[in-house]
N, C-alpha and C. Protein backbone atom coordinates (compact mmCIF):
# COMPACT_ATOMS: atom_id res chain seq x y z
N MET A 1 -63.32 -42.93 60.15
CA MET A 1 -63.91 -44.06 60.87
C MET A 1 -62.83 -45.10 61.16
N GLU A 2 -62.72 -45.51 62.44
CA GLU A 2 -61.69 -46.46 62.81
C GLU A 2 -62.18 -47.89 62.60
N HIS A 3 -61.25 -48.74 62.19
CA HIS A 3 -61.56 -50.15 61.99
C HIS A 3 -60.82 -50.95 63.05
N ASP A 4 -61.46 -51.95 63.57
CA ASP A 4 -60.92 -52.77 64.63
C ASP A 4 -60.84 -54.20 64.15
N LEU A 5 -59.67 -54.82 64.30
CA LEU A 5 -59.47 -56.18 63.79
C LEU A 5 -59.58 -57.20 64.93
N MET A 6 -60.26 -58.29 64.67
CA MET A 6 -60.42 -59.36 65.63
C MET A 6 -60.27 -60.70 64.90
N TRP A 7 -59.60 -61.67 65.56
CA TRP A 7 -59.48 -63.02 65.01
C TRP A 7 -60.63 -63.87 65.53
N VAL A 8 -61.31 -64.57 64.64
CA VAL A 8 -62.44 -65.41 65.01
C VAL A 8 -62.12 -66.86 64.67
N LEU A 9 -62.26 -67.73 65.69
CA LEU A 9 -62.06 -69.17 65.48
C LEU A 9 -63.37 -69.78 65.00
N VAL A 10 -63.31 -70.47 63.87
CA VAL A 10 -64.51 -71.05 63.27
C VAL A 10 -64.26 -72.53 63.00
N ARG A 11 -65.24 -73.35 63.30
CA ARG A 11 -65.20 -74.77 62.95
C ARG A 11 -66.06 -74.97 61.71
N GLU A 12 -65.45 -75.48 60.67
CA GLU A 12 -66.13 -75.61 59.39
C GLU A 12 -67.44 -76.40 59.50
N VAL A 13 -67.43 -77.45 60.32
CA VAL A 13 -68.61 -78.29 60.45
C VAL A 13 -69.79 -77.50 61.02
N GLU A 14 -69.53 -76.54 61.90
CA GLU A 14 -70.60 -75.74 62.48
C GLU A 14 -71.20 -74.77 61.46
N VAL A 15 -70.35 -74.25 60.59
CA VAL A 15 -70.84 -73.36 59.53
C VAL A 15 -71.78 -74.13 58.61
N LEU A 16 -71.35 -75.32 58.22
CA LEU A 16 -72.15 -76.13 57.31
C LEU A 16 -73.45 -76.60 57.98
N ALA A 17 -73.36 -76.94 59.28
CA ALA A 17 -74.56 -77.37 59.99
C ALA A 17 -75.57 -76.25 60.09
N SER A 18 -75.09 -75.02 60.31
CA SER A 18 -76.01 -73.89 60.42
C SER A 18 -76.69 -73.59 59.09
N ALA A 19 -76.02 -73.99 57.99
CA ALA A 19 -76.59 -73.77 56.66
C ALA A 19 -77.36 -75.00 56.17
N GLY A 20 -77.41 -76.07 57.00
CA GLY A 20 -78.11 -77.29 56.61
C GLY A 20 -77.42 -78.02 55.48
N THR A 21 -76.08 -77.97 55.47
CA THR A 21 -75.30 -78.57 54.38
C THR A 21 -74.41 -79.69 54.92
N GLN A 22 -74.19 -80.72 54.13
CA GLN A 22 -73.32 -81.81 54.52
C GLN A 22 -71.86 -81.35 54.44
N LEU A 23 -70.98 -82.19 54.98
CA LEU A 23 -69.56 -81.88 54.90
C LEU A 23 -69.14 -81.67 53.45
N PRO A 24 -68.31 -80.66 53.20
CA PRO A 24 -67.94 -80.34 51.82
C PRO A 24 -66.99 -81.35 51.19
N ARG A 25 -67.07 -81.49 49.91
CA ARG A 25 -66.12 -82.31 49.15
C ARG A 25 -65.24 -81.42 48.29
N ARG A 26 -65.16 -80.15 48.73
CA ARG A 26 -64.37 -79.16 48.00
C ARG A 26 -64.91 -78.95 46.59
N ILE A 27 -66.22 -79.19 46.41
CA ILE A 27 -66.82 -78.89 45.11
C ILE A 27 -67.62 -77.60 45.19
N HIS A 28 -67.83 -77.11 46.44
CA HIS A 28 -68.54 -75.85 46.60
C HIS A 28 -67.66 -74.71 46.12
N ALA A 29 -68.25 -73.77 45.45
CA ALA A 29 -67.51 -72.60 45.01
C ALA A 29 -67.05 -71.82 46.23
N GLU A 30 -65.88 -71.20 46.14
CA GLU A 30 -65.35 -70.43 47.27
C GLU A 30 -66.31 -69.30 47.65
N ALA A 31 -66.94 -68.69 46.67
CA ALA A 31 -67.88 -67.60 46.96
C ALA A 31 -69.06 -68.09 47.79
N GLU A 32 -69.52 -69.31 47.50
CA GLU A 32 -70.64 -69.87 48.26
C GLU A 32 -70.23 -70.14 49.70
N TRP A 33 -69.04 -70.70 49.87
CA TRP A 33 -68.52 -70.97 51.21
C TRP A 33 -68.37 -69.68 52.00
N ARG A 34 -67.82 -68.67 51.37
CA ARG A 34 -67.61 -67.40 52.07
C ARG A 34 -68.94 -66.78 52.49
N ALA A 35 -69.94 -66.88 51.64
CA ALA A 35 -71.25 -66.32 51.95
C ALA A 35 -71.86 -67.03 53.16
N ARG A 36 -71.76 -68.36 53.19
CA ARG A 36 -72.30 -69.12 54.31
C ARG A 36 -71.55 -68.79 55.60
N CYS A 37 -70.25 -68.68 55.49
CA CYS A 37 -69.43 -68.39 56.66
C CYS A 37 -69.73 -66.99 57.20
N SER A 38 -69.89 -66.04 56.30
CA SER A 38 -70.21 -64.67 56.71
C SER A 38 -71.56 -64.61 57.43
N ASP A 39 -72.54 -65.34 56.90
CA ASP A 39 -73.86 -65.38 57.54
C ASP A 39 -73.76 -66.00 58.94
N TYR A 40 -72.98 -67.07 59.04
CA TYR A 40 -72.79 -67.75 60.32
C TYR A 40 -72.14 -66.80 61.34
N LEU A 41 -71.10 -66.10 60.89
CA LEU A 41 -70.40 -65.18 61.79
C LEU A 41 -71.31 -64.06 62.27
N ARG A 42 -72.10 -63.51 61.35
CA ARG A 42 -73.01 -62.43 61.74
C ARG A 42 -73.96 -62.89 62.84
N THR A 43 -74.48 -64.11 62.68
CA THR A 43 -75.40 -64.64 63.69
C THR A 43 -74.71 -64.78 65.03
N ARG A 44 -73.48 -65.27 65.03
CA ARG A 44 -72.75 -65.49 66.27
C ARG A 44 -72.30 -64.18 66.92
N LEU A 45 -71.79 -63.27 66.11
CA LEU A 45 -71.27 -62.02 66.66
C LEU A 45 -72.37 -61.08 67.13
N MET A 46 -73.46 -61.04 66.38
CA MET A 46 -74.50 -60.07 66.69
C MET A 46 -75.37 -60.50 67.88
N CYS A 47 -75.13 -61.71 68.42
CA CYS A 47 -75.92 -62.13 69.58
C CYS A 47 -75.42 -61.45 70.85
N HIS A 48 -74.32 -60.72 70.76
CA HIS A 48 -73.77 -60.03 71.91
C HIS A 48 -74.16 -58.56 71.90
N ALA A 49 -74.49 -58.05 73.08
CA ALA A 49 -74.92 -56.66 73.18
C ALA A 49 -73.83 -55.70 72.73
N GLY A 50 -72.56 -56.07 72.95
CA GLY A 50 -71.47 -55.18 72.60
C GLY A 50 -70.94 -55.39 71.19
N ALA A 51 -71.63 -56.18 70.40
CA ALA A 51 -71.15 -56.50 69.05
C ALA A 51 -71.26 -55.28 68.14
N PRO A 52 -70.37 -55.17 67.17
CA PRO A 52 -70.41 -54.04 66.24
C PRO A 52 -71.58 -54.14 65.27
N ALA A 53 -71.93 -53.01 64.69
CA ALA A 53 -73.04 -52.99 63.75
C ALA A 53 -72.67 -53.65 62.43
N THR A 54 -71.41 -53.56 62.07
CA THR A 54 -70.97 -54.09 60.78
C THR A 54 -69.70 -54.90 60.94
N THR A 55 -69.63 -56.04 60.27
CA THR A 55 -68.41 -56.83 60.28
C THR A 55 -68.03 -57.20 58.85
N GLU A 56 -66.73 -57.33 58.63
CA GLU A 56 -66.23 -57.69 57.30
C GLU A 56 -65.07 -58.65 57.47
N VAL A 57 -65.17 -59.83 56.89
CA VAL A 57 -64.08 -60.80 56.95
C VAL A 57 -63.02 -60.44 55.92
N ILE A 58 -61.78 -60.40 56.36
CA ILE A 58 -60.67 -60.11 55.44
C ILE A 58 -60.16 -61.45 54.92
N TRP A 59 -60.81 -61.95 53.89
CA TRP A 59 -60.57 -63.31 53.42
C TRP A 59 -59.13 -63.61 53.01
N PRO A 60 -58.40 -62.68 52.40
CA PRO A 60 -57.02 -63.02 52.01
C PRO A 60 -56.12 -63.41 53.18
N LEU A 61 -56.51 -63.03 54.41
CA LEU A 61 -55.70 -63.35 55.58
C LEU A 61 -56.23 -64.55 56.36
N ALA A 62 -57.33 -65.15 55.89
CA ALA A 62 -57.91 -66.30 56.59
C ALA A 62 -56.91 -67.45 56.63
N CYS A 63 -56.92 -68.21 57.73
CA CYS A 63 -55.92 -69.26 57.93
C CYS A 63 -56.60 -70.56 58.31
N ARG A 64 -56.34 -71.64 57.54
CA ARG A 64 -56.88 -72.97 57.85
C ARG A 64 -55.82 -73.79 58.59
N ALA A 65 -56.24 -74.38 59.71
CA ALA A 65 -55.28 -75.06 60.59
C ALA A 65 -54.53 -76.19 59.89
N ARG A 66 -55.24 -77.00 59.13
CA ARG A 66 -54.58 -78.16 58.51
C ARG A 66 -53.66 -77.77 57.36
N GLU A 67 -54.06 -76.76 56.61
CA GLU A 67 -53.24 -76.35 55.46
C GLU A 67 -52.09 -75.42 55.85
N GLU A 68 -52.30 -74.64 56.92
CA GLU A 68 -51.28 -73.66 57.34
C GLU A 68 -51.06 -73.75 58.84
N PRO A 69 -50.55 -74.89 59.31
CA PRO A 69 -50.43 -75.10 60.77
C PRO A 69 -49.53 -74.10 61.48
N ASP A 70 -48.40 -73.76 60.87
CA ASP A 70 -47.48 -72.82 61.52
C ASP A 70 -48.13 -71.46 61.72
N ALA A 71 -48.80 -70.99 60.68
CA ALA A 71 -49.46 -69.69 60.77
C ALA A 71 -50.60 -69.74 61.79
N PHE A 72 -51.35 -70.84 61.80
CA PHE A 72 -52.47 -71.00 62.71
C PHE A 72 -52.01 -70.89 64.16
N TRP A 73 -50.99 -71.67 64.53
CA TRP A 73 -50.54 -71.66 65.92
C TRP A 73 -49.86 -70.35 66.28
N ALA A 74 -49.21 -69.73 65.31
CA ALA A 74 -48.56 -68.44 65.58
C ALA A 74 -49.61 -67.37 65.92
N ILE A 75 -50.74 -67.39 65.23
CA ILE A 75 -51.80 -66.42 65.50
C ILE A 75 -52.41 -66.67 66.88
N VAL A 76 -52.67 -67.94 67.20
CA VAL A 76 -53.23 -68.28 68.52
C VAL A 76 -52.29 -67.81 69.62
N GLN A 77 -50.99 -68.05 69.45
CA GLN A 77 -50.02 -67.65 70.46
C GLN A 77 -49.95 -66.14 70.58
N ARG A 78 -50.06 -65.45 69.45
CA ARG A 78 -50.01 -63.98 69.46
C ARG A 78 -51.18 -63.39 70.24
N VAL A 79 -52.36 -63.99 70.05
CA VAL A 79 -53.54 -63.52 70.77
C VAL A 79 -53.39 -63.77 72.27
N ARG A 80 -52.88 -64.94 72.64
CA ARG A 80 -52.67 -65.25 74.06
C ARG A 80 -51.65 -64.29 74.67
N THR A 81 -50.58 -64.01 73.96
CA THR A 81 -49.56 -63.11 74.48
C THR A 81 -50.11 -61.70 74.67
N ALA A 82 -50.95 -61.26 73.75
CA ALA A 82 -51.57 -59.93 73.89
C ALA A 82 -52.44 -59.88 75.14
N PHE A 83 -53.17 -60.98 75.40
CA PHE A 83 -53.99 -61.05 76.61
C PHE A 83 -53.10 -60.97 77.85
N ASP A 84 -52.00 -61.73 77.85
CA ASP A 84 -51.12 -61.74 79.01
C ASP A 84 -50.53 -60.36 79.28
N HIS A 85 -50.14 -59.66 78.22
CA HIS A 85 -49.60 -58.31 78.39
C HIS A 85 -50.65 -57.37 78.99
N ALA A 86 -51.88 -57.49 78.53
CA ALA A 86 -52.96 -56.65 79.06
C ALA A 86 -53.21 -56.98 80.53
N LEU A 87 -53.14 -58.27 80.88
CA LEU A 87 -53.33 -58.68 82.26
C LEU A 87 -52.20 -58.17 83.14
N VAL A 88 -50.97 -58.26 82.65
CA VAL A 88 -49.82 -57.72 83.38
C VAL A 88 -50.04 -56.25 83.68
N SER A 89 -50.49 -55.50 82.69
CA SER A 89 -50.66 -54.07 82.84
C SER A 89 -51.67 -53.73 83.94
N VAL A 90 -52.84 -54.38 83.91
CA VAL A 90 -53.87 -54.04 84.90
C VAL A 90 -53.48 -54.54 86.29
N LEU A 91 -52.80 -55.68 86.39
CA LEU A 91 -52.36 -56.18 87.70
C LEU A 91 -51.29 -55.28 88.30
N ASN A 92 -50.39 -54.78 87.46
CA ASN A 92 -49.38 -53.85 87.96
C ASN A 92 -50.02 -52.58 88.49
N ARG A 93 -51.08 -52.11 87.81
CA ARG A 93 -51.80 -50.93 88.30
C ARG A 93 -52.40 -51.19 89.67
N LEU A 94 -53.01 -52.36 89.83
CA LEU A 94 -53.62 -52.69 91.12
C LEU A 94 -52.56 -52.86 92.22
N CYS A 95 -51.42 -53.42 91.87
CA CYS A 95 -50.33 -53.57 92.84
C CYS A 95 -49.87 -52.21 93.35
N GLU A 96 -49.77 -51.25 92.46
CA GLU A 96 -49.34 -49.90 92.85
C GLU A 96 -50.40 -49.20 93.70
N LEU A 97 -51.69 -49.45 93.35
CA LEU A 97 -52.78 -48.80 94.07
C LEU A 97 -53.04 -49.45 95.43
N LEU A 98 -52.68 -50.74 95.57
CA LEU A 98 -52.96 -51.49 96.80
C LEU A 98 -51.68 -52.12 97.33
N PRO A 99 -50.69 -51.31 97.70
CA PRO A 99 -49.41 -51.87 98.17
C PRO A 99 -49.57 -52.71 99.42
N GLU A 100 -50.62 -52.43 100.23
CA GLU A 100 -50.82 -53.18 101.47
C GLU A 100 -51.24 -54.63 101.21
N ALA A 101 -51.56 -54.96 99.96
CA ALA A 101 -51.94 -56.35 99.64
C ALA A 101 -50.75 -57.30 99.71
N GLY A 102 -49.52 -56.76 99.67
CA GLY A 102 -48.33 -57.58 99.81
C GLY A 102 -47.85 -58.24 98.54
N THR A 103 -48.38 -57.81 97.39
CA THR A 103 -47.98 -58.45 96.13
C THR A 103 -46.61 -58.00 95.66
N ASP A 104 -46.00 -57.05 96.38
CA ASP A 104 -44.66 -56.60 95.98
C ASP A 104 -43.64 -57.72 96.17
N GLN A 105 -44.02 -58.75 96.94
CA GLN A 105 -43.12 -59.89 97.12
C GLN A 105 -43.27 -60.93 96.01
N MET A 106 -44.27 -60.72 95.12
CA MET A 106 -44.50 -61.67 94.03
C MET A 106 -43.85 -61.16 92.75
N GLU A 107 -43.38 -62.06 91.95
CA GLU A 107 -42.73 -61.69 90.69
C GLU A 107 -43.62 -62.03 89.52
N ILE A 108 -43.80 -61.06 88.62
CA ILE A 108 -44.47 -61.35 87.35
C ILE A 108 -43.38 -61.45 86.29
N PRO A 109 -43.12 -62.64 85.78
CA PRO A 109 -42.10 -62.78 84.72
C PRO A 109 -42.62 -62.20 83.41
N PHE A 110 -42.23 -60.99 83.11
CA PHE A 110 -42.73 -60.30 81.92
C PHE A 110 -41.90 -60.72 80.71
N GLY A 111 -42.39 -61.73 80.00
CA GLY A 111 -41.71 -62.21 78.80
C GLY A 111 -42.55 -61.98 77.58
N ALA A 112 -42.04 -62.40 76.43
CA ALA A 112 -42.77 -62.20 75.17
C ALA A 112 -43.45 -63.47 74.69
N ASP A 113 -43.16 -64.60 75.36
CA ASP A 113 -43.68 -65.87 74.83
C ASP A 113 -45.05 -66.22 75.38
N GLY A 114 -45.44 -65.65 76.53
CA GLY A 114 -46.76 -65.92 77.07
C GLY A 114 -47.00 -67.40 77.35
N ASP A 115 -45.98 -68.11 77.88
CA ASP A 115 -46.13 -69.54 78.09
C ASP A 115 -47.01 -69.82 79.31
N VAL A 116 -47.28 -71.09 79.55
CA VAL A 116 -48.21 -71.50 80.60
C VAL A 116 -47.76 -71.03 81.97
N ASP A 117 -46.46 -71.16 82.29
CA ASP A 117 -45.96 -70.75 83.60
C ASP A 117 -46.21 -69.26 83.84
N TRP A 118 -46.06 -68.48 82.79
CA TRP A 118 -46.28 -67.04 82.91
C TRP A 118 -47.74 -66.76 83.23
N GLN A 119 -48.64 -67.42 82.52
CA GLN A 119 -50.06 -67.22 82.77
C GLN A 119 -50.44 -67.65 84.18
N GLU A 120 -49.87 -68.75 84.65
CA GLU A 120 -50.17 -69.21 85.99
C GLU A 120 -49.70 -68.20 87.03
N ALA A 121 -48.57 -67.57 86.78
CA ALA A 121 -48.07 -66.55 87.71
C ALA A 121 -49.01 -65.35 87.76
N LEU A 122 -49.55 -64.98 86.61
CA LEU A 122 -50.47 -63.84 86.55
C LEU A 122 -51.76 -64.14 87.31
N PHE A 123 -52.31 -65.33 87.11
CA PHE A 123 -53.54 -65.67 87.80
C PHE A 123 -53.32 -65.79 89.31
N ALA A 124 -52.13 -66.22 89.71
CA ALA A 124 -51.81 -66.28 91.14
C ALA A 124 -51.82 -64.88 91.74
N MET A 125 -51.25 -63.92 91.03
CA MET A 125 -51.23 -62.55 91.52
C MET A 125 -52.63 -61.96 91.57
N ALA A 126 -53.43 -62.25 90.56
CA ALA A 126 -54.81 -61.77 90.54
C ALA A 126 -55.56 -62.33 91.73
N SER A 127 -55.30 -63.60 92.07
CA SER A 127 -55.96 -64.23 93.20
C SER A 127 -55.62 -63.53 94.50
N VAL A 128 -54.34 -63.19 94.69
CA VAL A 128 -53.92 -62.50 95.91
C VAL A 128 -54.60 -61.15 96.04
N LEU A 129 -54.64 -60.39 94.95
CA LEU A 129 -55.24 -59.06 94.97
C LEU A 129 -56.74 -59.12 95.25
N LEU A 130 -57.44 -60.03 94.58
CA LEU A 130 -58.88 -60.12 94.75
C LEU A 130 -59.24 -60.68 96.13
N THR A 131 -58.43 -61.59 96.64
CA THR A 131 -58.67 -62.10 97.99
C THR A 131 -58.50 -60.99 99.01
N TYR A 132 -57.48 -60.16 98.80
CA TYR A 132 -57.27 -59.02 99.70
C TYR A 132 -58.47 -58.08 99.67
N LEU A 133 -58.96 -57.77 98.48
CA LEU A 133 -60.10 -56.88 98.35
C LEU A 133 -61.35 -57.48 99.01
N ALA A 134 -61.55 -58.78 98.83
CA ALA A 134 -62.71 -59.44 99.44
C ALA A 134 -62.62 -59.39 100.96
N ASP A 135 -61.42 -59.63 101.50
CA ASP A 135 -61.24 -59.58 102.96
C ASP A 135 -61.52 -58.18 103.50
N ARG A 136 -61.05 -57.16 102.76
CA ARG A 136 -61.28 -55.79 103.20
C ARG A 136 -62.76 -55.45 103.18
N LEU A 137 -63.48 -55.93 102.17
CA LEU A 137 -64.91 -55.67 102.10
C LEU A 137 -65.63 -56.28 103.30
N VAL A 138 -65.22 -57.49 103.66
CA VAL A 138 -65.83 -58.16 104.81
C VAL A 138 -65.54 -57.38 106.09
N GLU A 139 -64.27 -56.96 106.24
CA GLU A 139 -63.87 -56.21 107.43
C GLU A 139 -64.64 -54.89 107.53
N ASP A 140 -64.70 -54.17 106.42
CA ASP A 140 -65.40 -52.89 106.42
C ASP A 140 -66.89 -53.09 106.66
N GLY A 141 -67.43 -54.20 106.12
CA GLY A 141 -68.85 -54.47 106.32
C GLY A 141 -69.15 -54.73 107.79
N ASP A 142 -68.20 -55.38 108.50
CA ASP A 142 -68.40 -55.65 109.92
C ASP A 142 -68.43 -54.39 110.76
N HIS A 143 -67.82 -53.31 110.21
CA HIS A 143 -67.78 -52.05 110.94
C HIS A 143 -68.87 -51.08 110.47
N GLY A 144 -69.79 -51.57 109.68
CA GLY A 144 -70.88 -50.72 109.22
C GLY A 144 -70.62 -50.20 107.82
N GLU A 145 -71.68 -49.77 107.16
CA GLU A 145 -71.59 -49.32 105.77
C GLU A 145 -70.73 -48.07 105.63
N ALA A 146 -70.63 -47.30 106.66
CA ALA A 146 -69.89 -46.04 106.57
C ALA A 146 -68.42 -46.27 106.28
N ALA A 147 -67.87 -47.40 106.72
CA ALA A 147 -66.44 -47.67 106.52
C ALA A 147 -66.13 -48.19 105.15
N GLN A 148 -67.12 -48.77 104.46
CA GLN A 148 -66.87 -49.46 103.21
C GLN A 148 -66.34 -48.57 102.09
N PRO A 149 -66.85 -47.35 101.87
CA PRO A 149 -66.37 -46.54 100.75
C PRO A 149 -64.90 -46.19 100.81
N ALA A 150 -64.28 -46.25 102.01
CA ALA A 150 -62.88 -45.86 102.14
C ALA A 150 -61.97 -46.70 101.26
N LEU A 151 -62.31 -48.00 101.13
CA LEU A 151 -61.48 -48.90 100.32
C LEU A 151 -61.48 -48.50 98.86
N PHE A 152 -62.63 -48.04 98.35
CA PHE A 152 -62.77 -47.76 96.93
C PHE A 152 -62.89 -46.26 96.67
N ALA A 153 -62.23 -45.47 97.54
CA ALA A 153 -62.35 -44.02 97.39
C ALA A 153 -61.74 -43.53 96.08
N ALA A 154 -60.68 -44.20 95.62
CA ALA A 154 -59.98 -43.74 94.42
C ALA A 154 -60.64 -44.28 93.16
N ASP A 155 -60.91 -43.39 92.21
CA ASP A 155 -61.49 -43.81 90.94
C ASP A 155 -60.56 -44.78 90.21
N ALA A 156 -59.25 -44.63 90.44
CA ALA A 156 -58.28 -45.49 89.76
C ALA A 156 -58.48 -46.96 90.11
N VAL A 157 -58.86 -47.25 91.37
CA VAL A 157 -59.10 -48.64 91.77
C VAL A 157 -60.34 -49.17 91.07
N HIS A 158 -61.37 -48.33 91.02
CA HIS A 158 -62.59 -48.71 90.29
C HIS A 158 -62.26 -49.07 88.85
N ASP A 159 -61.49 -48.19 88.20
CA ASP A 159 -61.17 -48.39 86.78
C ASP A 159 -60.35 -49.66 86.56
N ALA A 160 -59.37 -49.89 87.44
CA ALA A 160 -58.52 -51.07 87.29
C ALA A 160 -59.34 -52.35 87.49
N LEU A 161 -60.23 -52.35 88.46
CA LEU A 161 -61.07 -53.53 88.70
C LEU A 161 -62.01 -53.78 87.53
N ALA A 162 -62.53 -52.70 86.95
CA ALA A 162 -63.41 -52.85 85.79
C ALA A 162 -62.64 -53.44 84.61
N ASP A 163 -61.40 -52.98 84.42
CA ASP A 163 -60.57 -53.52 83.33
C ASP A 163 -60.25 -54.99 83.57
N LEU A 164 -59.97 -55.34 84.83
CA LEU A 164 -59.66 -56.73 85.16
C LEU A 164 -60.88 -57.63 84.92
N ALA A 165 -62.06 -57.13 85.31
CA ALA A 165 -63.29 -57.91 85.10
C ALA A 165 -63.55 -58.14 83.62
N THR A 166 -63.28 -57.12 82.81
CA THR A 166 -63.47 -57.26 81.36
C THR A 166 -62.52 -58.29 80.77
N LEU A 167 -61.26 -58.25 81.21
CA LEU A 167 -60.27 -59.20 80.71
C LEU A 167 -60.62 -60.64 81.07
N LEU A 168 -61.11 -60.86 82.29
CA LEU A 168 -61.38 -62.21 82.75
C LEU A 168 -62.75 -62.73 82.35
N SER A 169 -63.56 -61.87 81.76
CA SER A 169 -64.88 -62.28 81.29
C SER A 169 -64.75 -63.00 79.95
N ASP A 170 -65.77 -63.77 79.60
CA ASP A 170 -65.76 -64.42 78.28
C ASP A 170 -66.68 -63.70 77.31
N ARG A 171 -67.12 -62.49 77.68
CA ARG A 171 -68.05 -61.74 76.84
C ARG A 171 -67.30 -60.92 75.79
N LEU A 172 -67.93 -60.82 74.64
CA LEU A 172 -67.38 -60.04 73.53
C LEU A 172 -67.54 -58.55 73.82
N THR A 173 -66.45 -57.79 73.66
CA THR A 173 -66.51 -56.35 73.82
C THR A 173 -65.83 -55.70 72.61
N GLU A 174 -65.88 -54.40 72.55
CA GLU A 174 -65.24 -53.69 71.44
C GLU A 174 -63.72 -53.85 71.47
N GLN A 175 -63.16 -54.23 72.63
CA GLN A 175 -61.71 -54.38 72.75
C GLN A 175 -61.25 -55.82 72.51
N SER A 176 -62.16 -56.76 72.39
CA SER A 176 -61.77 -58.16 72.25
C SER A 176 -60.96 -58.40 70.98
N ALA A 177 -59.83 -59.10 71.17
CA ALA A 177 -58.97 -59.41 70.02
C ALA A 177 -59.24 -60.79 69.44
N PHE A 178 -60.13 -61.55 70.12
CA PHE A 178 -60.38 -62.94 69.71
C PHE A 178 -61.82 -63.31 70.05
N PHE A 179 -62.40 -64.21 69.24
CA PHE A 179 -63.74 -64.70 69.52
C PHE A 179 -63.87 -66.12 68.99
N ASP A 180 -64.26 -67.05 69.86
CA ASP A 180 -64.52 -68.44 69.47
C ASP A 180 -65.99 -68.50 69.07
N ALA A 181 -66.24 -68.60 67.76
CA ALA A 181 -67.62 -68.52 67.27
C ALA A 181 -68.48 -69.66 67.78
N GLY A 182 -67.92 -70.87 67.88
CA GLY A 182 -68.69 -72.01 68.33
C GLY A 182 -69.10 -71.89 69.79
N ALA A 183 -68.14 -71.48 70.64
CA ALA A 183 -68.39 -71.36 72.07
C ALA A 183 -69.00 -70.01 72.43
N ARG A 184 -69.04 -69.10 71.47
CA ARG A 184 -69.52 -67.72 71.71
C ARG A 184 -68.79 -67.12 72.90
N SER A 185 -67.47 -67.20 72.86
CA SER A 185 -66.64 -66.76 73.98
C SER A 185 -65.35 -66.15 73.46
N VAL A 186 -64.79 -65.21 74.22
CA VAL A 186 -63.51 -64.64 73.84
C VAL A 186 -62.35 -65.44 74.42
N ARG A 187 -62.65 -66.47 75.18
CA ARG A 187 -61.59 -67.30 75.74
C ARG A 187 -60.96 -68.16 74.64
N VAL A 188 -59.63 -68.16 74.58
CA VAL A 188 -58.93 -68.95 73.58
C VAL A 188 -58.82 -70.39 74.08
N PRO A 189 -59.32 -71.37 73.33
CA PRO A 189 -59.19 -72.78 73.77
C PRO A 189 -57.72 -73.15 73.95
N ASN A 190 -57.45 -74.05 74.90
CA ASN A 190 -56.06 -74.45 75.08
C ASN A 190 -55.61 -75.34 73.92
N ASP A 191 -54.31 -75.55 73.85
CA ASP A 191 -53.75 -76.30 72.72
C ASP A 191 -54.30 -77.71 72.65
N SER A 192 -54.47 -78.36 73.79
CA SER A 192 -54.94 -79.75 73.77
C SER A 192 -56.35 -79.83 73.19
N THR A 193 -57.20 -78.85 73.48
CA THR A 193 -58.55 -78.84 72.92
C THR A 193 -58.52 -78.66 71.41
N LEU A 194 -57.68 -77.75 70.95
CA LEU A 194 -57.58 -77.49 69.52
C LEU A 194 -56.98 -78.70 68.79
N LYS A 195 -55.96 -79.29 69.37
CA LYS A 195 -55.32 -80.45 68.73
C LYS A 195 -56.25 -81.66 68.71
N SER A 196 -57.08 -81.80 69.75
CA SER A 196 -58.04 -82.91 69.76
C SER A 196 -59.07 -82.74 68.65
N ALA A 197 -59.51 -81.51 68.44
CA ALA A 197 -60.47 -81.24 67.37
C ALA A 197 -59.86 -81.56 66.01
N LEU A 198 -58.60 -81.17 65.82
CA LEU A 198 -57.93 -81.45 64.56
C LEU A 198 -57.72 -82.95 64.36
N ALA A 199 -57.37 -83.65 65.45
CA ALA A 199 -57.17 -85.10 65.36
C ALA A 199 -58.47 -85.82 65.03
N ALA A 200 -59.60 -85.21 65.42
CA ALA A 200 -60.91 -85.81 65.14
C ALA A 200 -61.38 -85.50 63.73
N GLY A 201 -60.55 -84.78 62.98
CA GLY A 201 -60.88 -84.50 61.59
C GLY A 201 -61.57 -83.17 61.34
N GLU A 202 -61.69 -82.34 62.37
CA GLU A 202 -62.33 -81.05 62.17
C GLU A 202 -61.41 -80.11 61.41
N GLN A 203 -62.02 -79.23 60.63
CA GLN A 203 -61.27 -78.17 59.97
C GLN A 203 -61.51 -76.89 60.77
N LEU A 204 -60.44 -76.35 61.33
CA LEU A 204 -60.52 -75.12 62.11
C LEU A 204 -59.97 -73.97 61.29
N LEU A 205 -60.63 -72.83 61.37
CA LEU A 205 -60.19 -71.65 60.64
C LEU A 205 -60.06 -70.48 61.59
N LEU A 206 -59.10 -69.62 61.31
CA LEU A 206 -58.99 -68.34 61.98
C LEU A 206 -59.28 -67.26 60.94
N LEU A 207 -60.33 -66.50 61.19
CA LEU A 207 -60.75 -65.47 60.24
C LEU A 207 -60.54 -64.09 60.84
N PRO A 208 -59.79 -63.24 60.16
CA PRO A 208 -59.66 -61.86 60.64
C PRO A 208 -60.90 -61.06 60.26
N VAL A 209 -61.54 -60.48 61.27
CA VAL A 209 -62.77 -59.73 61.05
C VAL A 209 -62.52 -58.26 61.35
N ARG A 210 -62.85 -57.44 60.39
CA ARG A 210 -62.75 -55.99 60.59
C ARG A 210 -64.08 -55.52 61.13
N ARG A 211 -64.04 -54.85 62.27
CA ARG A 211 -65.28 -54.41 62.92
C ARG A 211 -65.44 -52.91 62.76
N VAL A 212 -66.58 -52.52 62.26
CA VAL A 212 -66.88 -51.12 62.06
C VAL A 212 -67.90 -50.73 63.13
N GLY A 213 -67.59 -49.74 63.93
CA GLY A 213 -68.45 -49.34 65.04
C GLY A 213 -69.81 -48.89 64.60
N ALA A 214 -70.75 -48.99 65.54
CA ALA A 214 -72.13 -48.61 65.26
C ALA A 214 -72.24 -47.12 64.99
């Protein structure tokens, strides 16, 4: 049986609110906290159709933002970089399948840091490809339904578009490497949002969850 690991962003105040408990004074036993957090995660994760049947938090690897800031930001950056690499891969497939879109004149800076400029370049390329596809659909539609299938004749284009849609969606899937429990989204909050929460006194946690398939 294969195990799949996912990082889950949790806000301590939301866990306590869901359990009807006041903010902790660190007098709660760790076992009690873990039980409440596990219950909270199950409720959040299982609300998605694609959620796994069983989840297990790997507590020794859990990371608290205030106590372990370097580790916290390193994990967030790692998740973002993994997303960028996946996006690069599917966009490159679409570029090869749709050379007439003209994206060969665009550069994707394939780096390891996944910085903001890199992400902006990827979304710009995605915009060009999807705009091209939308224009072709309109053109083919103007010539009748018979012309439309020609654009999507190749299964490879279908598959690449499906992968792109999955990546850009905020829905939890079996492939998701990250999940924001509070927002119920796989989108990673930007740094300013996370830093604002920390400045407001929130305790943010990253919990590694092992997912066991149904």
